[in-house]
C-alpha atoms as a PDB file:
ATOM      1  CA  MET A   1       0.000   0.000   0.000  1.00  0.00           C
ATOM      2  CA  ARG A   2       1.244   3.461  -0.917  1.00  0.00           C
ATOM      3  CA  ILE A   3       0.100   6.453   1.133  1.00  0.00           C
ATOM      4  CA  LEU A   4       0.962  10.031   0.261  1.00  0.00           C
ATOM      5  CA  TYR A   5       1.188  12.398   3.219  1.00  0.00           C
ATOM      6  CA  VAL A   6       0.712  16.102   2.495  1.00  0.00           C
ATOM      7  CA  PRO A   7       2.087  18.279   5.283  1.00  0.00           C
ATOM      8  CA  ARG A   8       1.111  21.887   5.846  1.00  0.00           C
ATOM      9  CA  ALA A   9       3.206  24.289   3.792  1.00  0.00           C
ATOM     10  CA  ASP A  10       5.391  25.467   6.688  1.00  0.00           C
ATOM     11  CA  ALA A  11       5.921  22.075   8.371  1.00  0.00           C
ATOM     12  CA  SER A  12       9.581  21.915   7.369  1.00  0.00           C
ATOM     13  CA  HIS A  13      10.464  24.881   9.577  1.00  0.00           C
ATOM     14  CA  ILE A  14       7.599  25.206  12.095  1.00  0.00           C
ATOM     15  CA  PHE A  15       7.160  22.028  14.091  1.00  0.00           C
ATOM     16  CA  GLY A  16       4.021  21.115  16.007  1.00  0.00           C
ATOM     17  CA  GLY A  17       1.708  18.305  16.993  1.00  0.00           C
ATOM     18  CA  ASP A  18       1.081  17.338  13.387  1.00  0.00           C
ATOM     19  CA  THR A  19       4.793  16.791  12.748  1.00  0.00           C
ATOM     20  CA  VAL A  20       5.028  14.659  15.896  1.00  0.00           C
ATOM     21  CA  LEU A  21       1.964  12.694  14.720  1.00  0.00           C
ATOM     22  CA  TYR A  22       3.550  12.177  11.302  1.00  0.00           C
ATOM     23  CA  GLY A  23       6.808  10.956  12.822  1.00  0.00           C
ATOM     24  CA  GLN A  24       5.096   8.406  15.053  1.00  0.00           C
ATOM     25  CA  LEU A  25       2.612   7.311  12.412  1.00  0.00           C
ATOM     26  CA  SER A  26       5.248   6.966   9.710  1.00  0.00           C
ATOM     27  CA  ARG A  27       7.429   4.691  11.858  1.00  0.00           C
ATOM     28  CA  ALA A  28       4.458   2.429  12.618  1.00  0.00           C
ATOM     29  CA  LEU A  29       3.198   2.282   9.025  1.00  0.00           C
ATOM     30  CA  ILE A  30       6.627   1.670   7.508  1.00  0.00           C
ATOM     31  CA  ALA A  31       7.235  -1.120  10.048  1.00  0.00           C
ATOM     32  CA  SER A  32       3.962  -2.649   8.802  1.00  0.00           C
ATOM     33  CA  GLY A  33       5.167  -2.630   5.198  1.00  0.00           C
ATOM     34  CA  VAL A  34       3.333   0.509   4.048  1.00  0.00           C
ATOM     35  CA  GLU A  35       5.095   2.830   1.621  1.00  0.00           C
ATOM     36  CA  LEU A  36       4.576   6.295   3.090  1.00  0.00           C
ATOM     37  CA  ILE A  37       5.756   9.278   1.076  1.00  0.00           C
ATOM     38  CA  CYS A  38       5.787  12.864   2.354  1.00  0.00           C
ATOM     39  CA  VAL A  39       4.833  15.111  -0.577  1.00  0.00           C
ATOM     40  CA  PRO A  40       4.431  18.899  -0.504  1.00  0.00           C
ATOM     41  CA  VAL A  41       1.118  19.895  -2.071  1.00  0.00           C
ATOM     42  CA  ASP A  42       2.886  21.636  -4.963  1.00  0.00           C
ATOM     43  CA  GLU A  43       4.583  18.341  -5.914  1.00  0.00           C
ATOM     44  CA  LEU A  44       1.475  16.132  -5.925  1.00  0.00           C
ATOM     45  CA  GLU A  45       1.225  16.210  -9.724  1.00  0.00           C
ATOM     46  CA  GLU A  46       4.508  14.279  -9.859  1.00  0.00           C
ATOM     47  CA  HIS A  47       2.904  11.408  -7.923  1.00  0.00           C
ATOM     48  CA  ASN A  48       0.064   9.844  -9.861  1.00  0.00           C
ATOM     49  CA  VAL A  49      -0.022   6.493  -8.093  1.00  0.00           C
ATOM     50  CA  ALA A  50      -1.303   6.224  -4.530  1.00  0.00           C
ATOM     51  CA  ASP A  51      -3.757   4.114  -2.563  1.00  0.00           C
ATOM     52  CA  SER A  52      -4.701   6.995  -0.284  1.00  0.00           C
ATOM     53  CA  LEU A  53      -3.855  10.556   0.685  1.00  0.00           C
ATOM     54  CA  PHE A  54      -3.399  11.711   4.287  1.00  0.00           C
ATOM     55  CA  LEU A  55      -3.669  15.293   5.562  1.00  0.00           C
ATOM     56  CA  THR A  56      -3.037  16.834   8.983  1.00  0.00           C
ATOM     57  CA  GLN A  57      -3.422  20.371  10.322  1.00  0.00           C
ATOM     58  CA  ILE A  58      -5.707  21.440   7.541  1.00  0.00           C
ATOM     59  CA  TYR A  59      -6.157  24.946   8.903  1.00  0.00           C
ATOM     60  CA  GLN A  60      -4.006  26.012   5.940  1.00  0.00           C
ATOM     61  CA  ILE A  61      -7.033  25.986   3.688  1.00  0.00           C
ATOM     62  CA  ASP A  62      -5.172  26.417   0.374  1.00  0.00           C
ATOM     63  CA  THR A  63      -3.018  23.341   1.012  1.00  0.00           C
ATOM     64  CA  ALA A  64      -5.987  21.258   2.146  1.00  0.00           C
ATOM     65  CA  GLU A  65      -8.192  22.240  -0.783  1.00  0.00           C
ATOM     66  CA  LYS A  66      -5.456  21.576  -3.373  1.00  0.00           C
ATOM     67  CA  ALA A  67      -4.675  18.162  -1.896  1.00  0.00           C
ATOM     68  CA  ALA A  68      -8.344  17.213  -1.565  1.00  0.00           C
ATOM     69  CA  GLY A  69      -9.016  18.275  -5.164  1.00  0.00           C
ATOM     70  CA  TRP A  70      -6.061  16.224  -6.384  1.00  0.00           C
ATOM     71  CA  ALA A  71      -7.367  13.151  -4.569  1.00  0.00           C
ATOM     72  CA  LYS A  72     -10.955  13.687  -5.724  1.00  0.00           C
ATOM     73  CA  GLN A  73      -9.918  13.996  -9.397  1.00  0.00           C
ATOM     74  CA  ARG A  74      -8.164  10.627  -9.147  1.00  0.00           C
ATOM     75  CA  ASN A  75     -10.783   8.909  -6.981  1.00  0.00           C
ATOM     76  CA  ILE A  76      -8.167   8.351  -4.251  1.00  0.00           C
ATOM     77  CA  PRO A  77      -9.445   8.018  -0.679  1.00  0.00           C
ATOM     78  CA  LEU A  78      -8.594  11.010   1.508  1.00  0.00           C
ATOM     79  CA  PHE A  79      -7.886  10.645   5.220  1.00  0.00           C
ATOM     80  CA  ILE A  80      -7.826  13.716   7.444  1.00  0.00           C
ATOM     81  CA  SER A  81      -6.550  13.832  11.017  1.00  0.00           C
ATOM     82  CA  PRO A  82      -8.854  15.186  13.733  1.00  0.00           C
ATOM     83  CA  LEU A  83      -6.805  18.405  13.692  1.00  0.00           C
ATOM     84  CA  PHE A  84      -9.142  20.459  11.531  1.00  0.00           C
ATOM     85  CA  GLU A  85     -10.565  23.834  10.609  1.00  0.00           C
ATOM     86  CA  GLU A  86     -14.280  24.040  11.356  1.00  0.00           C
ATOM     87  CA  GLY A  87     -15.091  26.093   8.245  1.00  0.00           C
ATOM     88  CA  LEU A  88     -13.421  23.792   5.712  1.00  0.00           C
ATOM     89  CA  ARG A  89     -15.725  22.322   3.091  1.00  0.00           C
ATOM     90  CA  LEU A  90     -14.240  19.588   0.874  1.00  0.00           C
END
């Protein structure tokens, strides 16, 4: 199984609970044989094969909407962590 993880745009230099979640989750999934790939939203077009897409900290609406649209166009299941923005409509 191949899962693409789309972090928030500033995750590489501003760390928070979502980056801790990703670190713990990635270790567990990789140990289970899952291929987990961290992909910035602007690089999603380069990755056309995935079994699912995972988002965290979707308060950055632009990132969340781009990633959700990418997944929807390809009929790829989208998983979102409970860290969310109440006003987001996907």
